[in-house]
Amino acid sequence: MQAGAAETRESILVSADWLKTNIKNVVLVDSRPESLYLGGHIPGAVNAPWTYFANMNAKQGSEQWGVIWPEATMAKRIGALGINGKKTVVAYCDAGGWGQSGWTLWILRQAGIKNAKILEGGIGAWKAAGGQLAKNKVKNQTVAFSIQKYVPNYTATTQWINDNLGKPGLAIIDVRTQPEYNGKIRPFQEKRAGHLPGAINISRENFVTEQGHFKSAEEVAALLAPYGITTDTEIVVYDTAGVRSAFVTMLLRYAGFQKSQSYDAGFQAWAGNPDLPLVTQ
């Protein structure tokens, strides 16, 4: 696994106060489901839930379901949001979700957009800072955008993971809830229950504060240290279909863990292949 692009607090996060000052100079993307968006969003924000960027037409439980679109399709979808790759993009969700803003950021980085960021604390931080909400559906003017090839080292594949199970220096982090990890529940109708062999369970919520803010790099390092994970460790992060894992992958990059990649196809694809090993408890 090759090290990916490094991130810093400045490269990945903006505060609600910063956004209030710069709101007219950014493209705002509300990454929450449409029902929440229509219930109240930051003025000027377009809505792009995780499914906007993912192939939902494939069969659930397959390698294709829920993964990001090929470059040409994705470029059109990004351009349709008014994103041209030059103007700063700020994505946000809410503290109690799956970290959909991190999924959006993870995709935009692969599309070559370096000036995309996350609103720290999401819409809750915006409201706490006195920000107003709107309920109209915003549609930005479509702009030209192209992706020749995705930036590498953001995505781990089923084949790579299966070929490297048990590899020294590789950590597989399951960021789902403990009941999902233990195989007690299958909330998304996965074909099988359990977790990948050798995977450790650190749910997404452990990487953020109660307000949905990123924990500090030092806190993240302390969280991973008991498992022997250092900045030299190769890390694969997974959840059901790649949303929570993309968020954590970007957070790990900010915390200095550059050899981190998200398993986009996710547990749903792994569990959908009866030939792949699975651990149940």
C-alpha atoms as a PDB file:
ATOM      1  CA  MET A   1       0.000   0.000   0.000  1.00  0.00           C
ATOM      2  CA  GLN A   2       1.332   3.393  -1.002  1.00  0.00           C
ATOM      3  CA  ALA A   3       1.007   6.436   1.240  1.00  0.00           C
ATOM      4  CA  GLY A   4      -1.726   8.794   0.131  1.00  0.00           C
ATOM      5  CA  ALA A   5      -1.881  12.569   0.191  1.00  0.00           C
ATOM      6  CA  ALA A   6      -1.379  14.133   3.610  1.00  0.00           C
ATOM      7  CA  GLU A   7      -4.026  16.337   5.187  1.00  0.00           C
ATOM      8  CA  THR A   8      -3.910  18.962   7.923  1.00  0.00           C
ATOM      9  CA  ARG A   9      -6.574  20.707   9.981  1.00  0.00           C
ATOM     10  CA  GLU A  10      -6.263  23.672   7.634  1.00  0.00           C
ATOM     11  CA  SER A  11      -6.583  21.582   4.474  1.00  0.00           C
ATOM     12  CA  ILE A  12      -9.592  19.589   5.593  1.00  0.00           C
ATOM     13  CA  LEU A  13     -11.690  21.643   8.043  1.00  0.00           C
ATOM     14  CA  VAL A  14     -13.402  25.010   8.276  1.00  0.00           C
ATOM     15  CA  SER A  15     -15.292  26.453  11.230  1.00  0.00           C
ATOM     16  CA  ALA A  16     -18.820  27.791  11.242  1.00  0.00           C
ATOM     17  CA  ASP A  17     -17.461  31.294  11.856  1.00  0.00           C
ATOM     18  CA  TRP A  18     -15.164  30.971   8.833  1.00  0.00           C
ATOM     19  CA  LEU A  19     -18.082  29.841   6.715  1.00  0.00           C
ATOM     20  CA  LYS A  20     -20.247  32.766   7.825  1.00  0.00           C
ATOM     21  CA  THR A  21     -17.518  35.120   6.620  1.00  0.00           C
ATOM     22  CA  ASN A  22     -16.810  33.291   3.360  1.00  0.00           C
ATOM     23  CA  ILE A  23     -20.189  31.811   2.437  1.00  0.00           C
ATOM     24  CA  LYS A  24     -20.492  33.838  -0.779  1.00  0.00           C
ATOM     25  CA  ASN A  25     -17.161  32.536  -2.038  1.00  0.00           C
ATOM     26  CA  VAL A  26     -17.744  28.784  -1.729  1.00  0.00           C
ATOM     27  CA  VAL A  27     -19.841  26.001  -3.187  1.00  0.00           C
ATOM     28  CA  LEU A  28     -21.847  24.503  -0.328  1.00  0.00           C
ATOM     29  CA  VAL A  29     -22.840  20.830  -0.421  1.00  0.00           C
ATOM     30  CA  ASP A  30     -25.333  19.425   2.061  1.00  0.00           C
ATOM     31  CA  SER A  31     -24.439  15.723   2.214  1.00  0.00           C
ATOM     32  CA  ARG A  32     -27.460  14.668   4.272  1.00  0.00           C
ATOM     33  CA  PRO A  33     -30.543  12.824   2.965  1.00  0.00           C
ATOM     34  CA  GLU A  34     -32.975  15.002   1.031  1.00  0.00           C
ATOM     35  CA  SER A  35     -35.619  14.848   3.780  1.00  0.00           C
ATOM     36  CA  LEU A  36     -33.240  16.504   6.243  1.00  0.00           C
ATOM     37  CA  TYR A  37     -32.055  18.990   3.633  1.00  0.00           C
ATOM     38  CA  LEU A  38     -35.591  20.127   2.903  1.00  0.00           C
ATOM     39  CA  GLY A  39     -36.249  20.426   6.619  1.00  0.00           C
ATOM     40  CA  GLY A  40     -33.647  23.152   6.858  1.00  0.00           C
ATOM     41  CA  HIS A  41     -30.223  23.698   5.310  1.00  0.00           C
ATOM     42  CA  ILE A  42     -27.506  26.322   5.178  1.00  0.00           C
ATOM     43  CA  PRO A  43     -28.584  28.992   2.678  1.00  0.00           C
ATOM     44  CA  GLY A  44     -27.192  28.388  -0.805  1.00  0.00           C
ATOM     45  CA  ALA A  45     -26.350  24.731  -0.248  1.00  0.00           C
ATOM     46  CA  VAL A  46     -27.094  22.130  -2.893  1.00  0.00           C
ATOM     47  CA  ASN A  47     -28.092  18.657  -1.774  1.00  0.00           C
ATOM     48  CA  ALA A  48     -25.974  15.627  -2.665  1.00  0.00           C
ATOM     49  CA  PRO A  49     -26.555  12.658  -0.347  1.00  0.00           C
ATOM     50  CA  TRP A  50     -24.157   9.742  -0.514  1.00  0.00           C
ATOM     51  CA  THR A  51     -26.299   7.934  -3.072  1.00  0.00           C
ATOM     52  CA  TYR A  52     -25.796  10.818  -5.524  1.00  0.00           C
ATOM     53  CA  PHE A  53     -22.182   9.755  -5.960  1.00  0.00           C
ATOM     54  CA  ALA A  54     -22.737   5.983  -5.879  1.00  0.00           C
ATOM     55  CA  ASN A  55     -24.008   3.300  -8.231  1.00  0.00           C
ATOM     56  CA  MET A  56     -27.258   2.210  -6.653  1.00  0.00           C
ATOM     57  CA  ASN A  57     -28.435   0.392  -9.787  1.00  0.00           C
ATOM     58  CA  ALA A  58     -26.310  -2.693  -9.252  1.00  0.00           C
ATOM     59  CA  LYS A  59     -27.415  -5.717  -7.249  1.00  0.00           C
ATOM     60  CA  GLN A  60     -27.000  -5.278  -3.508  1.00  0.00           C
ATOM     61  CA  GLY A  61     -24.338  -7.619  -2.189  1.00  0.00           C
ATOM     62  CA  SER A  62     -22.248  -7.243  -5.344  1.00  0.00           C
ATOM     63  CA  GLU A  63     -18.923  -5.519  -5.965  1.00  0.00           C
ATOM     64  CA  GLN A  64     -20.669  -2.774  -7.931  1.00  0.00           C
ATOM     65  CA  TRP A  65     -23.459  -1.764  -5.540  1.00  0.00           C
ATOM     66  CA  GLY A  66     -22.883   1.499  -3.706  1.00  0.00           C
ATOM     67  CA  VAL A  67     -19.418   2.168  -5.130  1.00  0.00           C
ATOM     68  CA  ILE A  68     -18.470   5.465  -6.684  1.00  0.00           C
ATOM     69  CA  TRP A  69     -19.305   6.109 -10.333  1.00  0.00           C
ATOM     70  CA  PRO A  70     -16.665   5.764 -13.053  1.00  0.00           C
ATOM     71  CA  GLU A  71     -14.728   8.938 -13.807  1.00  0.00           C
ATOM     72  CA  ALA A  72     -16.820  10.227 -16.722  1.00  0.00           C
ATOM     73  CA  THR A  73     -20.133   9.823 -14.893  1.00  0.00           C
ATOM     74  CA  MET A  74     -18.740  11.257 -11.681  1.00  0.00           C
ATOM     75  CA  ALA A  75     -17.345  14.300 -13.487  1.00  0.00           C
ATOM     76  CA  LYS A  76     -20.797  15.117 -14.866  1.00  0.00           C
ATOM     77  CA  ARG A  77     -22.375  14.748 -11.440  1.00  0.00           C
ATOM     78  CA  ILE A  78     -19.775  16.953  -9.791  1.00  0.00           C
ATOM     79  CA  GLY A  79     -20.163  19.595 -12.523  1.00  0.00           C
ATOM     80  CA  ALA A  80     -23.944  19.511 -12.083  1.00  0.00           C
ATOM     81  CA  LEU A  81     -23.440  20.704  -8.504  1.00  0.00           C
ATOM     82  CA  GLY A  82     -21.656  23.812  -9.757  1.00  0.00           C
ATOM     83  CA  ILE A  83     -18.233  22.498  -8.750  1.00  0.00           C
ATOM     84  CA  ASN A  84     -15.502  23.450 -11.219  1.00  0.00           C
ATOM     85  CA  GLY A  85     -12.461  22.459  -9.181  1.00  0.00           C
ATOM     86  CA  LYS A  86     -11.362  26.060  -8.681  1.00  0.00           C
ATOM     87  CA  LYS A  87     -13.856  27.484  -6.216  1.00  0.00           C
ATOM     88  CA  THR A  88     -13.603  26.190  -2.643  1.00  0.00           C
ATOM     89  CA  VAL A  89     -16.137  23.493  -1.788  1.00  0.00           C
ATOM     90  CA  VAL A  90     -17.480  23.011   1.741  1.00  0.00           C
ATOM     91  CA  ALA A  91     -19.445  19.849   2.529  1.00  0.00           C
ATOM     92  CA  TYR A  92     -21.416  19.314   5.705  1.00  0.00           C
ATOM     93  CA  CYS A  93     -23.715  16.795   7.383  1.00  0.00           C
ATOM     94  CA  ASP A  94     -24.699  16.423  11.042  1.00  0.00           C
ATOM     95  CA  ALA A  95     -23.028  15.029  14.120  1.00  0.00           C
ATOM     96  CA  GLY A  96     -25.393  12.075  14.409  1.00  0.00           C
ATOM     97  CA  GLY A  97     -25.071  10.745  10.864  1.00  0.00           C
ATOM     98  CA  TRP A  98     -22.596   8.531   9.087  1.00  0.00           C
ATOM     99  CA  GLY A  99     -20.104  11.277   8.318  1.00  0.00           C
ATOM    100  CA  GLN A 100     -21.459  11.798   4.811  1.00  0.00           C
ATOM    101  CA  SER A 101     -19.455  15.012   4.482  1.00  0.00           C
ATOM    102  CA  GLY A 102     -16.283  12.927   4.797  1.00  0.00           C
ATOM    103  CA  TRP A 103     -17.547  10.649   2.025  1.00  0.00           C
ATOM    104  CA  THR A 104     -18.095  13.710  -0.175  1.00  0.00           C
ATOM    105  CA  LEU A 105     -14.619  15.007   0.614  1.00  0.00           C
ATOM    106  CA  TRP A 106     -13.041  11.592  -0.058  1.00  0.00           C
ATOM    107  CA  ILE A 107     -14.663  11.563  -3.505  1.00  0.00           C
ATOM    108  CA  LEU A 108     -13.688  15.130  -4.367  1.00  0.00           C
ATOM    109  CA  ARG A 109     -10.070  14.424  -3.428  1.00  0.00           C
ATOM    110  CA  GLN A 110     -10.041  11.466  -5.809  1.00  0.00           C
ATOM    111  CA  ALA A 111     -11.485  13.776  -8.443  1.00  0.00           C
ATOM    112  CA  GLY A 112      -8.433  16.001  -7.991  1.00  0.00           C
ATOM    113  CA  ILE A 113     -10.131  18.789  -6.026  1.00  0.00           C
ATOM    114  CA  LYS A 114      -7.675  19.951  -3.393  1.00  0.00           C
ATOM    115  CA  ASN A 115      -9.695  22.916  -2.091  1.00  0.00           C
ATOM    116  CA  ALA A 116     -12.631  20.910  -0.766  1.00  0.00           C
ATOM    117  CA  LYS A 117     -13.253  20.949   2.974  1.00  0.00           C
ATOM    118  CA  ILE A 118     -15.627  19.803   5.712  1.00  0.00           C
ATOM    119  CA  LEU A 119     -17.628  22.097   7.979  1.00  0.00           C
ATOM    120  CA  GLU A 120     -16.451  20.996  11.416  1.00  0.00           C
ATOM    121  CA  GLY A 121     -19.402  20.057  13.580  1.00  0.00           C
ATOM    122  CA  GLY A 122     -21.754  20.173  10.590  1.00  0.00           C
ATOM    123  CA  ILE A 123     -25.091  21.902  10.588  1.00  0.00           C
ATOM    124  CA  GLY A 124     -25.198  21.775  14.383  1.00  0.00           C
ATOM    125  CA  ALA A 125     -22.129  23.990  14.584  1.00  0.00           C
ATOM    126  CA  TRP A 126     -23.690  26.353  12.041  1.00  0.00           C
ATOM    127  CA  LYS A 127     -26.842  26.724  14.132  1.00  0.00           C
ATOM    128  CA  ALA A 128     -24.830  27.109  17.337  1.00  0.00           C
ATOM    129  CA  ALA A 129     -22.943  29.979  15.707  1.00  0.00           C
ATOM    130  CA  GLY A 130     -26.238  31.739  14.962  1.00  0.00           C
ATOM    131  CA  GLY A 131     -26.407  30.713  11.325  1.00  0.00           C
ATOM    132  CA  GLN A 132     -29.775  30.898   9.597  1.00  0.00           C
ATOM    133  CA  LEU A 133     -31.472  28.031   7.741  1.00  0.00           C
ATOM    134  CA  ALA A 134     -33.367  27.912   4.451  1.00  0.00           C
ATOM    135  CA  LYS A 135     -35.842  25.360   3.112  1.00  0.00           C
ATOM    136  CA  ASN A 136     -35.754  26.032  -0.620  1.00  0.00           C
ATOM    137  CA  LYS A 137     -34.250  23.506  -3.000  1.00  0.00           C
ATOM    138  CA  VAL A 138     -31.108  25.002  -4.507  1.00  0.00           C
ATOM    139  CA  LYS A 139     -29.832  24.087  -7.966  1.00  0.00           C
ATOM    140  CA  ASN A 140     -26.517  25.542  -9.063  1.00  0.00           C
ATOM    141  CA  GLN A 141     -25.686  26.203 -12.678  1.00  0.00           C
ATOM    142  CA  THR A 142     -23.961  23.226 -14.249  1.00  0.00           C
ATOM    143  CA  VAL A 143     -20.298  23.832 -15.006  1.00  0.00           C
ATOM    144  CA  ALA A 144     -17.683  21.956 -16.976  1.00  0.00           C
ATOM    145  CA  PHE A 145     -15.620  19.501 -14.969  1.00  0.00           C
ATOM    146  CA  SER A 146     -13.526  16.536 -16.050  1.00  0.00           C
ATOM    147  CA  ILE A 147     -11.694  13.646 -14.410  1.00  0.00           C
ATOM    148  CA  GLN A 148      -9.047  11.951 -16.509  1.00  0.00           C
ATOM    149  CA  LYS A 149      -8.293   9.355 -13.846  1.00  0.00           C
ATOM    150  CA  TYR A 150      -9.034   9.127 -10.143  1.00  0.00           C
ATOM    151  CA  VAL A 151      -6.186  10.079  -7.827  1.00  0.00           C
ATOM    152  CA  PRO A 152      -4.840   6.736  -6.507  1.00  0.00           C
ATOM    153  CA  ASN A 153      -4.344   5.401  -2.974  1.00  0.00           C
ATOM    154  CA  TYR A 154      -7.763   6.217  -1.567  1.00  0.00           C
ATOM    155  CA  THR A 155      -9.581   2.931  -2.218  1.00  0.00           C
ATOM    156  CA  ALA A 156      -8.861  -0.646  -1.170  1.00  0.00           C
ATOM    157  CA  THR A 157     -10.431  -3.420  -3.227  1.00  0.00           C
ATOM    158  CA  THR A 158     -11.860  -6.771  -2.205  1.00  0.00           C
ATOM    159  CA  GLN A 159      -9.117  -8.569  -4.107  1.00  0.00           C
ATOM    160  CA  TRP A 160      -6.328  -6.594  -2.451  1.00  0.00           C
ATOM    161  CA  ILE A 161      -7.742  -7.135   1.020  1.00  0.00           C
ATOM    162  CA  ASN A 162      -8.256 -10.868   0.479  1.00  0.00           C
ATOM    163  CA  ASP A 163      -4.730 -11.234  -0.893  1.00  0.00           C
ATOM    164  CA  ASN A 164      -3.246  -9.421   2.103  1.00  0.00           C
ATOM    165  CA  LEU A 165      -5.220 -10.855   5.040  1.00  0.00           C
ATOM    166  CA  GLY A 166      -2.799 -11.542   7.878  1.00  0.00           C
ATOM    167  CA  LYS A 167      -0.042  -9.429   6.345  1.00  0.00           C
ATOM    168  CA  PRO A 168       2.340  -8.046   9.006  1.00  0.00           C
ATOM    169  CA  GLY A 169       1.954  -4.295   9.351  1.00  0.00           C
ATOM    170  CA  LEU A 170      -1.618  -4.265   8.026  1.00  0.00           C
ATOM    171  CA  ALA A 171      -4.534  -3.187  10.218  1.00  0.00           C
ATOM    172  CA  ILE A 172      -8.153  -3.620   9.189  1.00  0.00           C
ATOM    173  CA  ILE A 173     -10.494  -1.305  11.070  1.00  0.00           C
ATOM    174  CA  ASP A 174     -14.231  -1.985  11.127  1.00  0.00           C
ATOM    175  CA  VAL A 175     -15.919   1.328  11.930  1.00  0.00           C
ATOM    176  CA  ARG A 176     -19.447  -0.074  12.197  1.00  0.00           C
ATOM    177  CA  THR A 177     -21.253  -0.440  15.498  1.00  0.00           C
ATOM    178  CA  GLN A 178     -20.308  -3.278  17.837  1.00  0.00           C
ATOM    179  CA  PRO A 179     -23.541  -5.240  17.168  1.00  0.00           C
ATOM    180  CA  GLU A 180     -22.807  -5.118  13.425  1.00  0.00           C
ATOM    181  CA  TYR A 181     -19.203  -6.203  14.005  1.00  0.00           C
ATOM    182  CA  ASN A 182     -20.271  -9.081  16.236  1.00  0.00           C
ATOM    183  CA  GLY A 183     -22.816 -10.262  13.682  1.00  0.00           C
ATOM    184  CA  LYS A 184     -25.793  -9.607  15.937  1.00  0.00           C
ATOM    185  CA  ILE A 185     -27.575  -7.414  13.419  1.00  0.00           C
ATOM    186  CA  ARG A 186     -27.640  -6.912   9.654  1.00  0.00           C
ATOM    187  CA  PRO A 187     -29.292  -3.491   9.316  1.00  0.00           C
ATOM    188  CA  PHE A 188     -28.670  -3.245   5.589  1.00  0.00           C
ATOM    189  CA  GLN A 189     -29.729  -6.781   4.628  1.00  0.00           C
ATOM    190  CA  GLU A 190     -26.179  -8.015   4.193  1.00  0.00           C
ATOM    191  CA  LYS A 191     -26.015 -11.580   2.883  1.00  0.00           C
ATOM    192  CA  ARG A 192     -23.982 -12.706   5.899  1.00  0.00           C
ATOM    193  CA  ALA A 193     -23.194 -11.293   9.332  1.00  0.00           C
ATOM    194  CA  GLY A 194     -19.909 -10.822  11.157  1.00  0.00           C
ATOM    195  CA  HIS A 195     -16.623  -9.144  10.266  1.00  0.00           C
ATOM    196  CA  LEU A 196     -13.499  -9.580   8.192  1.00  0.00           C
ATOM    197  CA  PRO A 197     -10.797 -11.882   9.617  1.00  0.00           C
ATOM    198  CA  GLY A 198      -8.359  -9.950  11.778  1.00  0.00           C
ATOM    199  CA  ALA A 199     -10.457  -6.787  11.805  1.00  0.00           C
ATOM    200  CA  ILE A 200     -10.639  -4.688  14.937  1.00  0.00           C
ATOM    201  CA  ASN A 201     -13.754  -2.722  15.846  1.00  0.00           C
ATOM    202  CA  ILE A 202     -13.468   1.011  16.468  1.00  0.00           C
ATOM    203  CA  SER A 203     -16.790   2.593  15.566  1.00  0.00           C
ATOM    204  CA  ARG A 204     -16.831   5.911  13.712  1.00  0.00           C
ATOM    205  CA  GLU A 205     -18.152   7.736  16.761  1.00  0.00           C
ATOM    206  CA  ASN A 206     -14.906   7.075  18.633  1.00  0.00           C
ATOM    207  CA  PHE A 207     -12.985   9.321  16.238  1.00  0.00           C
ATOM    208  CA  VAL A 208     -15.083  12.431  16.901  1.00  0.00           C
ATOM    209  CA  THR A 209     -16.324  14.462  19.851  1.00  0.00           C
ATOM    210  CA  GLU A 210     -19.950  14.614  20.964  1.00  0.00           C
ATOM    211  CA  GLN A 211     -20.315  17.731  18.820  1.00  0.00           C
ATOM    212  CA  GLY A 212     -19.047  15.882  15.757  1.00  0.00           C
ATOM    213  CA  HIS A 213     -15.673  17.632  15.729  1.00  0.00           C
ATOM    214  CA  PHE A 214     -12.550  15.715  14.732  1.00  0.00           C
ATOM    215  CA  LYS A 215     -10.571  14.520  17.709  1.00  0.00           C
ATOM    216  CA  SER A 216      -7.025  15.852  17.766  1.00  0.00           C
ATOM    217  CA  ALA A 217      -4.228  13.983  16.019  1.00  0.00           C
ATOM    218  CA  GLU A 218      -2.847  13.097  19.443  1.00  0.00           C
ATOM    219  CA  GLU A 219      -6.193  11.673  20.560  1.00  0.00           C
ATOM    220  CA  VAL A 220      -6.499   9.616  17.375  1.00  0.00           C
ATOM    221  CA  ALA A 221      -2.986   8.248  17.858  1.00  0.00           C
ATOM    222  CA  ALA A 222      -3.846   7.313  21.452  1.00  0.00           C
ATOM    223  CA  LEU A 223      -7.036   5.611  20.264  1.00  0.00           C
ATOM    224  CA  LEU A 224      -5.083   3.411  17.845  1.00  0.00           C
ATOM    225  CA  ALA A 225      -1.975   2.788  19.938  1.00  0.00           C
ATOM    226  CA  PRO A 226      -3.425  -0.120  21.990  1.00  0.00           C
ATOM    227  CA  TYR A 227      -3.807  -2.046  18.727  1.00  0.00           C
ATOM    228  CA  GLY A 228      -0.212  -1.427  17.723  1.00  0.00           C
ATOM    229  CA  ILE A 229      -1.241   0.938  14.943  1.00  0.00           C
ATOM    230  CA  THR A 230       1.274   3.674  14.114  1.00  0.00           C
ATOM    231  CA  THR A 231       1.706   6.099  11.240  1.00  0.00           C
ATOM    232  CA  ASP A 232       3.781   3.413   9.495  1.00  0.00           C
ATOM    233  CA  THR A 233       0.918   0.897   9.586  1.00  0.00           C
ATOM    234  CA  GLU A 234      -1.039   0.119   6.436  1.00  0.00           C
ATOM    235  CA  ILE A 235      -4.704   0.668   7.269  1.00  0.00           C
ATOM    236  CA  VAL A 236      -7.870  -0.499   5.528  1.00  0.00           C
ATOM    237  CA  VAL A 237     -11.058   1.049   6.895  1.00  0.00           C
ATOM    238  CA  TYR A 238     -14.451  -0.465   6.166  1.00  0.00           C
ATOM    239  CA  ASP A 239     -18.110  -0.280   7.046  1.00  0.00           C
ATOM    240  CA  THR A 240     -21.175  -1.531   5.178  1.00  0.00           C
ATOM    241  CA  ALA A 241     -20.962   0.446   1.943  1.00  0.00           C
ATOM    242  CA  GLY A 242     -18.068   2.857   2.352  1.00  0.00           C
ATOM    243  CA  VAL A 243     -19.599   6.038   3.781  1.00  0.00           C
ATOM    244  CA  ARG A 244     -18.462   5.836   7.395  1.00  0.00           C
ATOM    245  CA  SER A 245     -15.138   4.368   6.306  1.00  0.00           C
ATOM    246  CA  ALA A 246     -14.477   7.243   3.872  1.00  0.00           C
ATOM    247  CA  PHE A 247     -15.043   9.737   6.684  1.00  0.00           C
ATOM    248  CA  VAL A 248     -12.632   7.911   8.989  1.00  0.00           C
ATOM    249  CA  THR A 249     -10.073   7.535   6.194  1.00  0.00           C
ATOM    250  CA  MET A 250      -9.973  11.309   5.688  1.00  0.00           C
ATOM    251  CA  LEU A 251      -9.777  11.838   9.441  1.00  0.00           C
ATOM    252  CA  LEU A 252      -6.860   9.405   9.644  1.00  0.00           C
ATOM    253  CA  ARG A 253      -5.047  11.288   6.884  1.00  0.00           C
ATOM    254  CA  TYR A 254      -5.437  14.500   8.893  1.00  0.00           C
ATOM    255  CA  ALA A 255      -4.083  12.692  11.979  1.00  0.00           C
ATOM    256  CA  GLY A 256      -0.926  11.628  10.110  1.00  0.00           C
ATOM    257  CA  PHE A 257      -1.922   8.084   9.093  1.00  0.00           C
ATOM    258  CA  GLN A 258      -1.272   8.476   5.372  1.00  0.00           C
ATOM    259  CA  LYS A 259      -1.240   4.760   4.566  1.00  0.00           C
ATOM    260  CA  SER A 260      -4.988   4.556   5.027  1.00  0.00           C
ATOM    261  CA  GLN A 261      -7.586   3.568   2.443  1.00  0.00           C
ATOM    262  CA  SER A 262     -11.330   3.009   2.446  1.00  0.00           C
ATOM    263  CA  TYR A 263     -12.895  -0.249   1.283  1.00  0.00           C
ATOM    264  CA  ASP A 264     -15.521   1.329  -0.941  1.00  0.00           C
ATOM    265  CA  ALA A 265     -17.421  -1.845  -1.837  1.00  0.00           C
ATOM    266  CA  GLY A 266     -17.602  -2.509   1.869  1.00  0.00           C
ATOM    267  CA  PHE A 267     -18.807  -5.316   4.052  1.00  0.00           C
ATOM    268  CA  GLN A 268     -21.954  -5.747   1.962  1.00  0.00           C
ATOM    269  CA  ALA A 269     -19.818  -6.887  -0.983  1.00  0.00           C
ATOM    270  CA  TRP A 270     -17.553  -9.082   1.142  1.00  0.00           C
ATOM    271  CA  ALA A 271     -20.526 -10.738   2.831  1.00  0.00           C
ATOM    272  CA  GLY A 272     -22.184 -11.174  -0.561  1.00  0.00           C
ATOM    273  CA  ASN A 273     -19.379 -13.457  -1.765  1.00  0.00           C
ATOM    274  CA  PRO A 274     -19.728 -16.845  -0.041  1.00  0.00           C
ATOM    275  CA  ASP A 275     -16.149 -17.745  -1.000  1.00  0.00           C
ATOM    276  CA  LEU A 276     -14.649 -15.049   1.210  1.00  0.00           C
ATOM    277  CA  PRO A 277     -13.823 -15.821   4.874  1.00  0.00           C
ATOM    278  CA  LEU A 278     -15.920 -14.243   7.614  1.00  0.00           C
ATOM    279  CA  VAL A 279     -15.743 -14.213  11.410  1.00  0.00           C
ATOM    280  CA  THR A 280     -18.905 -14.385  13.500  1.00  0.00           C
ATOM    281  CA  GLN A 281     -19.190 -14.065  17.262  1.00  0.00           C
END
